[in-house]
């Protein structure tokens, strides 16, 4: 006998299915058939969505507040890299002139 592997779905797909299933003119059966998933999954995902929907409006405590004019370190690095590349390209162009 073969081993069954459980199919996994990403969060974006689940959200799409749930939102589509909550539309007034769409039934769960239509959504289930369209995406080829079991009816109990749609109901399970809808329940999870309803329990966690409030999290979409919560402020994340992990984000660092920035002041106007502040630049995150990764942006400073990108700007620095682009400046160096720009200087190299300018020098290369001056050789061709």
C-alpha atoms as a PDB file:
ATOM      1  CA  UNK A   1       0.000   0.000   0.000  1.00  0.00           C
ATOM      2  CA  UNK A   2       1.205   3.493  -0.827  1.00  0.00           C
ATOM      3  CA  UNK A   3       1.899   6.125   1.729  1.00  0.00           C
ATOM      4  CA  UNK A   4      -0.491   9.047   1.656  1.00  0.00           C
ATOM      5  CA  UNK A   5       1.031  12.488   1.804  1.00  0.00           C
ATOM      6  CA  UNK A   6      -0.964  15.293   3.269  1.00  0.00           C
ATOM      7  CA  UNK A   7      -1.420  18.238   0.940  1.00  0.00           C
ATOM      8  CA  UNK A   8      -0.505  21.581   2.459  1.00  0.00           C
ATOM      9  CA  UNK A   9      -1.856  24.976   1.508  1.00  0.00           C
ATOM     10  CA  UNK A  10      -0.211  28.337   2.100  1.00  0.00           C
ATOM     11  CA  UNK A  11      -1.866  31.152   4.032  1.00  0.00           C
ATOM     12  CA  UNK A  12      -2.567  33.209   0.916  1.00  0.00           C
ATOM     13  CA  UNK A  13      -4.493  30.348  -0.681  1.00  0.00           C
ATOM     14  CA  UNK A  14      -6.480  29.720   2.510  1.00  0.00           C
ATOM     15  CA  UNK A  15      -7.366  33.412   2.778  1.00  0.00           C
ATOM     16  CA  UNK A  16      -8.524  33.466  -0.835  1.00  0.00           C
ATOM     17  CA  UNK A  17     -10.733  30.416  -0.287  1.00  0.00           C
ATOM     18  CA  UNK A  18     -12.196  31.799   2.954  1.00  0.00           C
ATOM     19  CA  UNK A  19     -12.935  35.236   1.544  1.00  0.00           C
ATOM     20  CA  UNK A  20     -14.490  33.746  -1.555  1.00  0.00           C
ATOM     21  CA  UNK A  21     -16.611  31.392   0.558  1.00  0.00           C
ATOM     22  CA  UNK A  22     -17.934  34.331   2.581  1.00  0.00           C
ATOM     23  CA  UNK A  23     -19.307  36.172  -0.431  1.00  0.00           C
ATOM     24  CA  UNK A  24     -23.061  36.455  -0.422  1.00  0.00           C
ATOM     25  CA  UNK A  25     -23.638  34.890  -3.853  1.00  0.00           C
ATOM     26  CA  UNK A  26     -21.188  31.978  -3.397  1.00  0.00           C
ATOM     27  CA  UNK A  27     -21.726  28.696  -1.587  1.00  0.00           C
ATOM     28  CA  UNK A  28     -19.096  26.663   0.221  1.00  0.00           C
ATOM     29  CA  UNK A  29     -19.797  23.833  -2.221  1.00  0.00           C
ATOM     30  CA  UNK A  30     -18.996  26.084  -5.195  1.00  0.00           C
ATOM     31  CA  UNK A  31     -15.718  27.198  -3.626  1.00  0.00           C
ATOM     32  CA  UNK A  32     -14.799  23.655  -2.615  1.00  0.00           C
ATOM     33  CA  UNK A  33     -15.435  22.368  -6.140  1.00  0.00           C
ATOM     34  CA  UNK A  34     -13.570  25.256  -7.749  1.00  0.00           C
ATOM     35  CA  UNK A  35     -10.416  24.622  -5.702  1.00  0.00           C
ATOM     36  CA  UNK A  36     -10.782  20.849  -5.335  1.00  0.00           C
ATOM     37  CA  UNK A  37     -10.673  20.761  -1.547  1.00  0.00           C
ATOM     38  CA  UNK A  38     -12.706  18.947   1.084  1.00  0.00           C
ATOM     39  CA  UNK A  39     -15.706  20.762   2.600  1.00  0.00           C
ATOM     40  CA  UNK A  40     -14.426  20.298   6.134  1.00  0.00           C
ATOM     41  CA  UNK A  41     -11.270  22.261   5.222  1.00  0.00           C
ATOM     42  CA  UNK A  42     -13.284  25.277   4.112  1.00  0.00           C
ATOM     43  CA  UNK A  43     -15.250  25.212   7.361  1.00  0.00           C
ATOM     44  CA  UNK A  44     -12.079  24.736   9.426  1.00  0.00           C
ATOM     45  CA  UNK A  45     -10.339  27.655   7.700  1.00  0.00           C
ATOM     46  CA  UNK A  46     -13.418  29.860   8.100  1.00  0.00           C
ATOM     47  CA  UNK A  47     -13.415  29.112  11.832  1.00  0.00           C
ATOM     48  CA  UNK A  48      -9.717  29.929  12.126  1.00  0.00           C
ATOM     49  CA  UNK A  49     -10.273  33.125  10.175  1.00  0.00           C
ATOM     50  CA  UNK A  50     -13.126  34.233  12.425  1.00  0.00           C
ATOM     51  CA  UNK A  51     -11.081  33.510  15.568  1.00  0.00           C
ATOM     52  CA  UNK A  52      -8.037  35.436  14.336  1.00  0.00           C
ATOM     53  CA  UNK A  53      -9.455  38.228  12.181  1.00  0.00           C
ATOM     54  CA  UNK A  54      -8.875  40.759  14.980  1.00  0.00           C
ATOM     55  CA  UNK A  55      -5.105  40.223  14.586  1.00  0.00           C
ATOM     56  CA  UNK A  56      -5.210  42.025  11.257  1.00  0.00           C
ATOM     57  CA  UNK A  57      -5.849  45.257  13.140  1.00  0.00           C
ATOM     58  CA  UNK A  58      -3.350  44.807  15.975  1.00  0.00           C
ATOM     59  CA  UNK A  59      -0.188  46.821  16.113  1.00  0.00           C
ATOM     60  CA  UNK A  60       2.922  44.726  16.066  1.00  0.00           C
ATOM     61  CA  UNK A  61       5.157  45.310  19.063  1.00  0.00           C
ATOM     62  CA  UNK A  62       8.204  44.184  17.116  1.00  0.00           C
ATOM     63  CA  UNK A  63       8.312  47.113  14.722  1.00  0.00           C
ATOM     64  CA  UNK A  64      10.696  49.898  15.605  1.00  0.00           C
ATOM     65  CA  UNK A  65       9.152  53.330  15.404  1.00  0.00           C
ATOM     66  CA  UNK A  66      11.074  55.648  13.110  1.00  0.00           C
ATOM     67  CA  UNK A  67      11.224  59.392  13.070  1.00  0.00           C
ATOM     68  CA  UNK A  68      11.068  61.409   9.878  1.00  0.00           C
ATOM     69  CA  UNK A  69      14.515  61.358   8.315  1.00  0.00           C
ATOM     70  CA  UNK A  70      15.511  58.046   9.923  1.00  0.00           C
ATOM     71  CA  UNK A  71      16.548  55.334   7.501  1.00  0.00           C
ATOM     72  CA  UNK A  72      16.671  51.681   8.453  1.00  0.00           C
ATOM     73  CA  UNK A  73      20.109  50.087   8.228  1.00  0.00           C
ATOM     74  CA  UNK A  74      19.251  47.887   5.285  1.00  0.00           C
ATOM     75  CA  UNK A  75      18.230  50.941   3.247  1.00  0.00           C
ATOM     76  CA  UNK A  76      21.489  52.672   4.152  1.00  0.00           C
ATOM     77  CA  UNK A  77      23.369  49.599   2.916  1.00  0.00           C
ATOM     78  CA  UNK A  78      21.427  49.537  -0.357  1.00  0.00           C
ATOM     79  CA  UNK A  79      22.050  53.255  -0.904  1.00  0.00           C
ATOM     80  CA  UNK A  80      25.745  52.750  -0.219  1.00  0.00           C
ATOM     81  CA  UNK A  81      25.984  49.811  -2.626  1.00  0.00           C
ATOM     82  CA  UNK A  82      24.152  51.720  -5.346  1.00  0.00           C
ATOM     83  CA  UNK A  83      26.386  54.753  -4.838  1.00  0.00           C
ATOM     84  CA  UNK A  84      29.510  52.605  -5.277  1.00  0.00           C
ATOM     85  CA  UNK A  85      28.058  50.919  -8.376  1.00  0.00           C
ATOM     86  CA  UNK A  86      27.089  54.303  -9.801  1.00  0.00           C
ATOM     87  CA  UNK A  87      30.637  55.620  -9.273  1.00  0.00           C
ATOM     88  CA  UNK A  88      32.090  52.544 -11.004  1.00  0.00           C
ATOM     89  CA  UNK A  89      29.764  52.979 -13.958  1.00  0.00           C
ATOM     90  CA  UNK A  90      30.616  56.677 -14.246  1.00  0.00           C
ATOM     91  CA  UNK A  91      34.326  55.833 -14.335  1.00  0.00           C
ATOM     92  CA  UNK A  92      33.710  53.110 -16.927  1.00  0.00           C
ATOM     93  CA  UNK A  93      31.745  55.558 -19.090  1.00  0.00           C
ATOM     94  CA  UNK A  94      34.503  58.155 -18.877  1.00  0.00           C
ATOM     95  CA  UNK A  95      36.915  55.596 -20.392  1.00  0.00           C
ATOM     96  CA  UNK A  96      34.645  55.223 -23.433  1.00  0.00           C
ATOM     97  CA  UNK A  97      34.399  58.992 -24.023  1.00  0.00           C
END
